[in-house]
Amino acid sequence: MRFIYTDGNDPDFIELCRGLDSFLNEIAGGEENRAKYVLYNLREDIHDVIVV
């Protein structure tokens, strides 16, 4: 197992976020149903990330 200490701009973290967003859109019935929460989950605001 490898630990990578990075930030919200890491390509692997971005890919993970896209996958999670897609999954959340699916279970919430679309992006418009979770639009009010998107404001609180911006990658630009994430400064410390550990990718395993």
PDB file of N, CA and C in Angstrom:
ATOM      1  N   MET A   1       0.849  -1.159   0.000  1.00  0.00           N
ATOM      2  CA  MET A   1       0.000   0.000   0.000  1.00  0.00           C
ATOM      3  C   MET A   1       0.906   1.237   0.000  1.00  0.00           C
ATOM      4  N   ARG A   2       0.504   2.210  -0.794  1.00  0.00           N
ATOM      5  CA  ARG A   2       1.296   3.436  -0.920  1.00  0.00           C
ATOM      6  C   ARG A   2       0.436   4.627  -0.498  1.00  0.00           C
ATOM      7  N   PHE A   3       0.989   5.498   0.326  1.00  0.00           N
ATOM      8  CA  PHE A   3       0.309   6.705   0.784  1.00  0.00           C
ATOM      9  C   PHE A   3       0.924   7.904   0.077  1.00  0.00           C
ATOM     10  N   ILE A   4       0.073   8.728  -0.530  1.00  0.00           N
ATOM     11  CA  ILE A   4       0.534   9.941  -1.201  1.00  0.00           C
ATOM     12  C   ILE A   4      -0.110  11.131  -0.494  1.00  0.00           C
ATOM     13  N   TYR A   5       0.725  11.981   0.081  1.00  0.00           N
ATOM     14  CA  TYR A   5       0.255  13.203   0.743  1.00  0.00           C
ATOM     15  C   TYR A   5       0.264  14.317  -0.295  1.00  0.00           C
ATOM     16  N   THR A   6      -0.896  14.882  -0.573  1.00  0.00           N
ATOM     17  CA  THR A   6      -1.028  15.838  -1.669  1.00  0.00           C
ATOM     18  C   THR A   6      -2.128  16.845  -1.347  1.00  0.00           C
ATOM     19  N   ASP A   7      -2.680  17.454  -2.394  1.00  0.00           N
ATOM     20  CA  ASP A   7      -3.779  18.406  -2.213  1.00  0.00           C
ATOM     21  C   ASP A   7      -4.906  18.074  -3.184  1.00  0.00           C
ATOM     22  N   GLY A   8      -5.886  18.953  -3.283  1.00  0.00           N
ATOM     23  CA  GLY A   8      -7.051  18.712  -4.119  1.00  0.00           C
ATOM     24  C   GLY A   8      -6.784  18.726  -5.609  1.00  0.00           C
ATOM     25  N   ASN A   9      -5.556  19.012  -6.028  1.00  0.00           N
ATOM     26  CA  ASN A   9      -5.216  19.038  -7.452  1.00  0.00           C
ATOM     27  C   ASN A   9      -4.584  17.743  -7.942  1.00  0.00           C
ATOM     28  N   ASP A  10      -4.453  16.761  -7.073  1.00  0.00           N
ATOM     29  CA  ASP A  10      -3.846  15.488  -7.452  1.00  0.00           C
ATOM     30  C   ASP A  10      -4.743  14.756  -8.458  1.00  0.00           C
ATOM     31  N   PRO A  11      -4.187  14.269  -9.578  1.00  0.00           N
ATOM     32  CA  PRO A  11      -5.000  13.601 -10.605  1.00  0.00           C
ATOM     33  C   PRO A  11      -5.776  12.395 -10.074  1.00  0.00           C
ATOM     34  N   ASP A  12      -5.185  11.600  -9.193  1.00  0.00           N
ATOM     35  CA  ASP A  12      -5.899  10.449  -8.637  1.00  0.00           C
ATOM     36  C   ASP A  12      -7.053  10.898  -7.747  1.00  0.00           C
ATOM     37  N   PHE A  13      -6.848  11.959  -6.990  1.00  0.00           N
ATOM     38  CA  PHE A  13      -7.911  12.488  -6.139  1.00  0.00           C
ATOM     39  C   PHE A  13      -9.041  13.064  -6.990  1.00  0.00           C
ATOM     40  N   ILE A  14      -8.695  13.747  -8.067  1.00  0.00           N
ATOM     41  CA  ILE A  14      -9.703  14.305  -8.976  1.00  0.00           C
ATOM     42  C   ILE A  14     -10.546  13.185  -9.576  1.00  0.00           C
ATOM     43  N   GLU A  15      -9.890  12.100  -9.994  1.00  0.00           N
ATOM     44  CA  GLU A  15     -10.614  10.954 -10.555  1.00  0.00           C
ATOM     45  C   GLU A  15     -11.554  10.350  -9.511  1.00  0.00           C
ATOM     46  N   LEU A  16     -11.082  10.219  -8.275  1.00  0.00           N
ATOM     47  CA  LEU A  16     -11.919   9.704  -7.195  1.00  0.00           C
ATOM     48  C   LEU A  16     -13.133  10.606  -6.972  1.00  0.00           C
ATOM     49  N   CYS A  17     -12.917  11.913  -6.945  1.00  0.00           N
ATOM     50  CA  CYS A  17     -14.018  12.869  -6.751  1.00  0.00           C
ATOM     51  C   CYS A  17     -15.055  12.767  -7.862  1.00  0.00           C
ATOM     52  N   ARG A  18     -14.597  12.630  -9.084  1.00  0.00           N
ATOM     53  CA  ARG A  18     -15.537  12.494 -10.212  1.00  0.00           C
ATOM     54  C   ARG A  18     -16.374  11.232 -10.075  1.00  0.00           C
ATOM     55  N   GLY A  19     -15.727  10.141  -9.686  1.00  0.00           N
ATOM     56  CA  GLY A  19     -16.462   8.895  -9.486  1.00  0.00           C
ATOM     57  C   GLY A  19     -17.475   9.006  -8.359  1.00  0.00           C
ATOM     58  N   LEU A  20     -17.075   9.630  -7.266  1.00  0.00           N
ATOM     59  CA  LEU A  20     -17.997   9.815  -6.141  1.00  0.00           C
ATOM     60  C   LEU A  20     -19.149  10.742  -6.512  1.00  0.00           C
ATOM     61  N   ASP A  21     -18.861  11.811  -7.234  1.00  0.00           N
ATOM     62  CA  ASP A  21     -19.922  12.724  -7.684  1.00  0.00           C
ATOM     63  C   ASP A  21     -20.915  11.992  -8.575  1.00  0.00           C
ATOM     64  N   SER A  22     -20.407  11.171  -9.469  1.00  0.00           N
ATOM     65  CA  SER A  22     -21.272  10.407 -10.364  1.00  0.00           C
ATOM     66  C   SER A  22     -22.169   9.460  -9.568  1.00  0.00           C
ATOM     67  N   PHE A  23     -21.588   8.777  -8.597  1.00  0.00           N
ATOM     68  CA  PHE A  23     -22.356   7.866  -7.750  1.00  0.00           C
ATOM     69  C   PHE A  23     -23.420   8.620  -6.957  1.00  0.00           C
ATOM     70  N   LEU A  24     -23.043   9.753  -6.369  1.00  0.00           N
ATOM     71  CA  LEU A  24     -24.007  10.547  -5.599  1.00  0.00           C
ATOM     72  C   LEU A  24     -25.133  11.070  -6.482  1.00  0.00           C
ATOM     73  N   ASN A  25     -24.803  11.477  -7.703  1.00  0.00           N
ATOM     74  CA  ASN A  25     -25.840  11.924  -8.633  1.00  0.00           C
ATOM     75  C   ASN A  25     -26.822  10.796  -8.919  1.00  0.00           C
ATOM     76  N   GLU A  26     -26.290   9.596  -9.058  1.00  0.00           N
ATOM     77  CA  GLU A  26     -27.138   8.446  -9.365  1.00  0.00           C
ATOM     78  C   GLU A  26     -28.089   8.133  -8.212  1.00  0.00           C
ATOM     79  N   ILE A  27     -27.574   8.101  -6.991  1.00  0.00           N
ATOM     80  CA  ILE A  27     -28.445   7.721  -5.869  1.00  0.00           C
ATOM     81  C   ILE A  27     -29.363   8.861  -5.428  1.00  0.00           C
ATOM     82  N   ALA A  28     -28.996  10.111  -5.754  1.00  0.00           N
ATOM     83  CA  ALA A  28     -29.835  11.258  -5.376  1.00  0.00           C
ATOM     84  C   ALA A  28     -30.857  11.599  -6.453  1.00  0.00           C
ATOM     85  N   GLY A  29     -30.779  10.944  -7.595  1.00  0.00           N
ATOM     86  CA  GLY A  29     -31.726  11.227  -8.667  1.00  0.00           C
ATOM     87  C   GLY A  29     -31.302  12.366  -9.564  1.00  0.00           C
ATOM     88  N   GLY A  30     -30.007  12.653  -9.613  1.00  0.00           N
ATOM     89  CA  GLY A  30     -29.485  13.694 -10.504  1.00  0.00           C
ATOM     90  C   GLY A  30     -28.768  14.800  -9.753  1.00  0.00           C
ATOM     91  N   GLU A  31     -27.890  15.488 -10.481  1.00  0.00           N
ATOM     92  CA  GLU A  31     -27.091  16.555  -9.872  1.00  0.00           C
ATOM     93  C   GLU A  31     -27.958  17.685  -9.339  1.00  0.00           C
ATOM     94  N   GLU A  32     -29.071  17.962 -10.009  1.00  0.00           N
ATOM     95  CA  GLU A  32     -29.937  19.055  -9.565  1.00  0.00           C
ATOM     96  C   GLU A  32     -30.525  18.782  -8.177  1.00  0.00           C
ATOM     97  N   ASN A  33     -30.671  17.510  -7.809  1.00  0.00           N
ATOM     98  CA  ASN A  33     -31.213  17.169  -6.486  1.00  0.00           C
ATOM     99  C   ASN A  33     -30.198  17.353  -5.361  1.00  0.00           C
ATOM    100  N   ARG A  34     -28.936  17.444  -5.699  1.00  0.00           N
ATOM    101  CA  ARG A  34     -27.920  17.662  -4.668  1.00  0.00           C
ATOM    102  C   ARG A  34     -27.137  18.950  -4.893  1.00  0.00           C
ATOM    103  N   ALA A  35     -27.672  19.831  -5.721  1.00  0.00           N
ATOM    104  CA  ALA A  35     -26.986  21.077  -6.088  1.00  0.00           C
ATOM    105  C   ALA A  35     -26.657  21.942  -4.873  1.00  0.00           C
ATOM    106  N   LYS A  36     -27.530  21.964  -3.870  1.00  0.00           N
ATOM    107  CA  LYS A  36     -27.267  22.819  -2.711  1.00  0.00           C
ATOM    108  C   LYS A  36     -26.080  22.328  -1.885  1.00  0.00           C
ATOM    109  N   TYR A  37     -25.677  21.063  -2.051  1.00  0.00           N
ATOM    110  CA  TYR A  37     -24.538  20.529  -1.309  1.00  0.00           C
ATOM    111  C   TYR A  37     -23.219  20.676  -2.064  1.00  0.00           C
ATOM    112  N   VAL A  38     -23.280  20.855  -3.368  1.00  0.00           N
ATOM    113  CA  VAL A  38     -22.074  20.960  -4.192  1.00  0.00           C
ATOM    114  C   VAL A  38     -21.207  22.136  -3.738  1.00  0.00           C
ATOM    115  N   LEU A  39     -21.827  23.206  -3.301  1.00  0.00           N
ATOM    116  CA  LEU A  39     -21.087  24.391  -2.847  1.00  0.00           C
ATOM    117  C   LEU A  39     -20.123  24.088  -1.706  1.00  0.00           C
ATOM    118  N   TYR A  40     -20.414  23.052  -0.929  1.00  0.00           N
ATOM    119  CA  TYR A  40     -19.594  22.727   0.241  1.00  0.00           C
ATOM    120  C   TYR A  40     -18.532  21.669  -0.053  1.00  0.00           C
ATOM    121  N   ASN A  41     -18.462  21.213  -1.287  1.00  0.00           N
ATOM    122  CA  ASN A  41     -17.531  20.148  -1.658  1.00  0.00           C
ATOM    123  C   ASN A  41     -16.678  20.553  -2.851  1.00  0.00           C
ATOM    124  N   LEU A  42     -16.049  21.704  -2.771  1.00  0.00           N
ATOM    125  CA  LEU A  42     -15.216  22.195  -3.866  1.00  0.00           C
ATOM    126  C   LEU A  42     -13.775  21.752  -3.657  1.00  0.00           C
ATOM    127  N   ARG A  43     -13.185  21.148  -4.682  1.00  0.00           N
ATOM    128  CA  ARG A  43     -11.796  20.684  -4.579  1.00  0.00           C
ATOM    129  C   ARG A  43     -10.826  21.821  -4.303  1.00  0.00           C
ATOM    130  N   GLU A  44     -11.123  23.009  -4.779  1.00  0.00           N
ATOM    131  CA  GLU A  44     -10.236  24.155  -4.576  1.00  0.00           C
ATOM    132  C   GLU A  44     -10.057  24.472  -3.094  1.00  0.00           C
ATOM    133  N   ASP A  45     -11.029  24.060  -2.283  1.00  0.00           N
ATOM    134  CA  ASP A  45     -10.978  24.319  -0.844  1.00  0.00           C
ATOM    135  C   ASP A  45     -10.302  23.193  -0.064  1.00  0.00           C
ATOM    136  N   ILE A  46      -9.899  22.134  -0.763  1.00  0.00           N
ATOM    137  CA  ILE A  46      -9.270  20.987  -0.101  1.00  0.00           C
ATOM    138  C   ILE A  46      -7.761  21.129  -0.230  1.00  0.00           C
ATOM    139  N   HIS A  47      -7.096  21.300   0.908  1.00  0.00           N
ATOM    140  CA  HIS A  47      -5.658  21.564   0.894  1.00  0.00           C
ATOM    141  C   HIS A  47      -4.822  20.366   1.322  1.00  0.00           C
ATOM    142  N   ASP A  48      -5.404  19.438   2.040  1.00  0.00           N
ATOM    143  CA  ASP A  48      -4.667  18.278   2.535  1.00  0.00           C
ATOM    144  C   ASP A  48      -5.406  17.003   2.160  1.00  0.00           C
ATOM    145  N   VAL A  49      -4.731  16.132   1.406  1.00  0.00           N
ATOM    146  CA  VAL A  49      -5.334  14.894   0.922  1.00  0.00           C
ATOM    147  C   VAL A  49      -4.326  13.766   1.108  1.00  0.00           C
ATOM    148  N   ILE A  50      -4.822  12.607   1.503  1.00  0.00           N
ATOM    149  CA  ILE A  50      -4.001  11.399   1.508  1.00  0.00           C
ATOM    150  C   ILE A  50      -4.669  10.417   0.557  1.00  0.00           C
ATOM    151  N   VAL A  51      -3.977  10.069  -0.512  1.00  0.00           N
ATOM    152  CA  VAL A  51      -4.466   9.098  -1.489  1.00  0.00           C
ATOM    153  C   VAL A  51      -3.763   7.780  -1.192  1.00  0.00           C
ATOM    154  N   VAL A  52      -4.550   6.702  -1.017  1.00  0.00           N
ATOM    155  CA  VAL A  52      -3.974   5.387  -0.707  1.00  0.00           C
ATOM    156  C   VAL A  52      -4.231   4.454  -1.865  1.00  0.00           C
TER     157      VAL A  52
END
